[in-house]
Protein backbone atom coordinates (compact mmCIF):
# COMPACT_ATOMS: atom_id res chain seq x y z
CA THR A 1 -1.50 10.50 19.50
CA LEU A 2 1.95 9.65 18.29
CA GLY A 3 0.85 8.07 14.99
CA ALA A 4 2.67 5.21 13.33
CA ARG A 5 5.54 3.94 15.48
CA LYS A 6 6.36 0.65 13.74
CA ILE A 7 7.21 1.14 10.08
CA ILE A 8 8.38 -1.38 7.49
CA VAL A 9 10.14 0.07 4.46
CA VAL A 10 10.59 -2.25 1.48
CA ASN A 11 13.45 -1.64 -0.92
CA VAL A 12 13.36 -1.94 -4.71
CA GLY A 13 13.73 -5.44 -6.11
CA PRO A 14 16.09 -6.51 -8.91
CA VAL A 15 14.15 -4.78 -11.69
CA GLY A 16 16.80 -5.74 -14.23
CA CYS A 17 15.74 -9.36 -13.75
CA ILE A 18 12.05 -9.00 -14.56
CA PRO A 19 11.09 -10.57 -17.91
CA TYR A 20 10.27 -7.14 -19.38
CA GLU A 21 13.78 -5.77 -18.72
CA ARG A 22 15.46 -8.98 -19.88
CA ASP A 23 13.61 -8.77 -23.20
CA LEU A 24 14.37 -5.05 -23.56
CA ASN A 25 18.09 -5.66 -23.01
CA PRO A 26 18.94 -8.63 -25.26
CA THR A 27 22.69 -7.91 -25.00
CA ALA A 28 22.51 -9.26 -21.43
CA GLY A 29 21.86 -12.72 -22.87
CA THR A 30 20.48 -14.99 -20.18
CA SER A 31 21.65 -12.65 -17.42
CA CYS A 32 19.71 -9.84 -15.81
CA ALA A 33 19.98 -6.36 -17.31
CA SER A 34 22.77 -4.73 -15.32
CA ARG A 35 21.91 -1.01 -15.52
CA PRO A 36 18.43 -1.23 -13.94
CA ASN A 37 19.86 -3.40 -11.15
CA GLN A 38 22.72 -0.96 -10.56
CA LEU A 39 20.22 1.88 -10.21
CA ALA A 40 18.06 -0.17 -7.84
CA GLN A 41 21.09 -1.01 -5.70
CA LEU A 42 22.16 2.63 -5.59
CA PHE A 43 18.66 3.66 -4.50
CA ASN A 44 18.53 0.85 -1.92
CA THR A 45 21.85 1.94 -0.38
CA GLU A 46 20.53 5.46 0.09
CA LEU A 47 17.20 4.13 1.39
CA ARG A 48 18.97 2.01 4.01
CA ASN A 49 21.00 5.07 5.09
CA LEU A 50 17.76 7.06 5.41
CA ILE A 51 16.21 4.31 7.55
CA LYS A 52 19.23 4.43 9.88
CA GLU A 53 18.93 8.22 10.09
CA LEU A 54 15.19 8.09 10.84
CA THR A 55 15.73 5.42 13.49
CA THR A 56 18.22 7.71 15.22
CA SER A 57 16.23 10.93 14.90
CA LEU A 58 12.71 9.65 15.65
CA LYS A 59 13.06 8.15 19.10
CA GLY A 60 10.38 5.65 20.06
CA SER A 61 9.83 4.58 16.47
CA ILE A 62 10.97 1.33 14.92
CA PHE A 63 11.91 1.42 11.25
CA MET A 64 12.53 -1.88 9.54
CA TYR A 65 14.35 -2.28 6.26
CA ALA A 66 12.95 -5.16 4.19
CA ASP A 67 15.52 -6.34 1.65
CA VAL A 68 13.23 -7.65 -1.09
CA TYR A 69 16.06 -7.14 -3.59
CA ARG A 70 18.11 -9.80 -1.81
CA ILE A 71 15.17 -12.20 -1.40
CA VAL A 72 14.00 -12.01 -5.02
CA ASP A 73 17.56 -12.18 -6.35
CA ASP A 74 18.10 -15.32 -4.26
CA MET A 75 14.92 -16.87 -5.69
CA ILE A 76 16.00 -16.04 -9.25
CA GLN A 77 19.56 -17.35 -8.82
CA ASN A 78 18.47 -20.49 -6.93
CA TYR A 79 15.02 -21.02 -8.40
CA ARG A 80 15.24 -24.82 -8.41
CA ALA A 81 16.01 -24.88 -4.67
CA TYR A 82 12.68 -23.09 -4.15
CA GLY A 83 10.78 -25.58 -6.31
CA PHE A 84 10.49 -23.36 -9.39
CA ASP A 85 11.05 -24.52 -12.97
CA SER A 86 11.86 -21.00 -14.16
CA GLY A 87 13.50 -18.01 -12.54
CA SER A 88 13.43 -15.79 -15.60
CA PHE A 89 10.41 -16.51 -17.81
CA ALA A 90 6.89 -15.10 -17.28
CA CYS A 91 4.11 -17.63 -16.68
CA CYS A 92 1.56 -15.40 -18.47
CA TYR A 93 3.06 -14.21 -21.75
CA ILE A 94 2.53 -13.35 -25.40
CA ALA A 95 5.95 -12.61 -26.86
CA GLY A 96 9.64 -12.25 -26.06
CA SER A 97 12.52 -14.54 -25.18
CA PHE A 98 11.47 -14.24 -21.52
CA GLY A 99 7.77 -13.56 -22.15
CA GLY A 100 8.28 -9.91 -21.30
CA LEU A 101 7.51 -7.90 -24.43
CA ILE A 102 3.73 -7.63 -24.17
CA PRO A 103 1.74 -7.44 -20.91
CA CYS A 104 -0.42 -10.38 -19.90
CA GLY A 105 -3.95 -10.14 -21.28
CA PRO A 106 -6.91 -12.10 -22.69
CA SER A 107 -4.91 -13.44 -25.64
CA SER A 108 -1.92 -14.49 -23.50
CA LYS A 109 -0.57 -17.99 -23.09
CA VAL A 110 -0.48 -19.19 -19.49
CA CYS A 111 1.85 -21.85 -18.13
CA LEU A 112 0.31 -25.09 -16.89
CA ASP A 113 1.53 -24.66 -13.30
CA ARG A 114 1.93 -21.06 -12.20
CA SER A 115 3.43 -22.18 -8.88
CA LYS A 116 6.55 -23.24 -10.81
CA TYR A 117 7.45 -19.71 -11.98
CA VAL A 118 9.11 -16.87 -10.08
CA PHE A 119 7.34 -14.38 -12.38
CA TRP A 120 3.63 -14.29 -13.13
CA ASP A 121 3.86 -11.75 -15.96
CA PRO A 122 6.50 -9.42 -17.45
CA PHE A 123 6.55 -7.28 -14.29
CA HIS A 124 5.29 -9.12 -11.20
CA PRO A 125 6.32 -12.04 -9.02
CA SER A 126 4.00 -15.05 -9.02
CA ASP A 127 1.78 -15.86 -6.05
CA ALA A 128 4.22 -18.63 -5.12
CA ALA A 129 7.13 -16.16 -5.14
CA ASN A 130 5.12 -13.66 -3.09
CA VAL A 131 4.44 -16.33 -0.45
CA ILE A 132 8.19 -16.96 -0.14
CA ILE A 133 8.87 -13.22 0.11
CA ALA A 134 6.21 -12.84 2.81
CA LYS A 135 7.52 -15.81 4.82
CA ARG A 136 11.06 -14.49 4.73
CA LEU A 137 9.95 -11.04 5.86
CA LEU A 138 7.81 -12.57 8.59
CA ASP A 139 10.41 -14.96 9.98
CA GLY A 140 13.67 -14.18 8.17
CA ASP A 141 17.00 -13.23 9.67
CA SER A 142 18.61 -9.78 9.69
CA ASN A 143 19.84 -10.30 6.12
CA ASP A 144 16.23 -10.32 4.90
CA VAL A 145 14.73 -7.72 7.22
CA PHE A 146 16.66 -5.43 9.56
CA PRO A 147 16.93 -4.96 12.53
CA ILE A 148 14.18 -7.50 13.37
CA ASN A 149 11.67 -9.51 11.38
CA ILE A 150 7.94 -8.81 11.24
CA ARG A 151 7.01 -11.52 13.75
CA GLN A 152 9.47 -10.03 16.24
CA LEU A 153 8.11 -6.55 15.51
CA ALA A 154 4.58 -7.71 16.35
CA ASN A 155 5.83 -8.73 19.80
CA VAL A 156 7.57 -5.43 20.56
């Protein structure tokens, strides 16, 4: 057999924007921490180059590059357009300006409506954010997933 022929590779999201990193880097103010995002973008550039190389060298295979960095960054920057009340604060939190200093646990406070937050806890997107990510990968344009989206891939 030829093994896997349709492969989706997801890049690294804007880690400098997670509540944990925002609380660890207070000099960023209300902005995302720049250094973690710079490193993620550097990695993502090399990853995209690798995907292009693999597509060329492994004939008969389809490699897709899913730009989760772009999708999550868009949700954070335009959170109200997506129906969120917060693009920076964790729904499940204990301490920190962004709720990112201590992981979510039994003694945590939880927001009243978790569907209104981009982030569930100091590290992870909320279920509502994950649904948006999934929909954009499934049906998005070539800015979200390249060269084709997942629905198109299923029909190849």
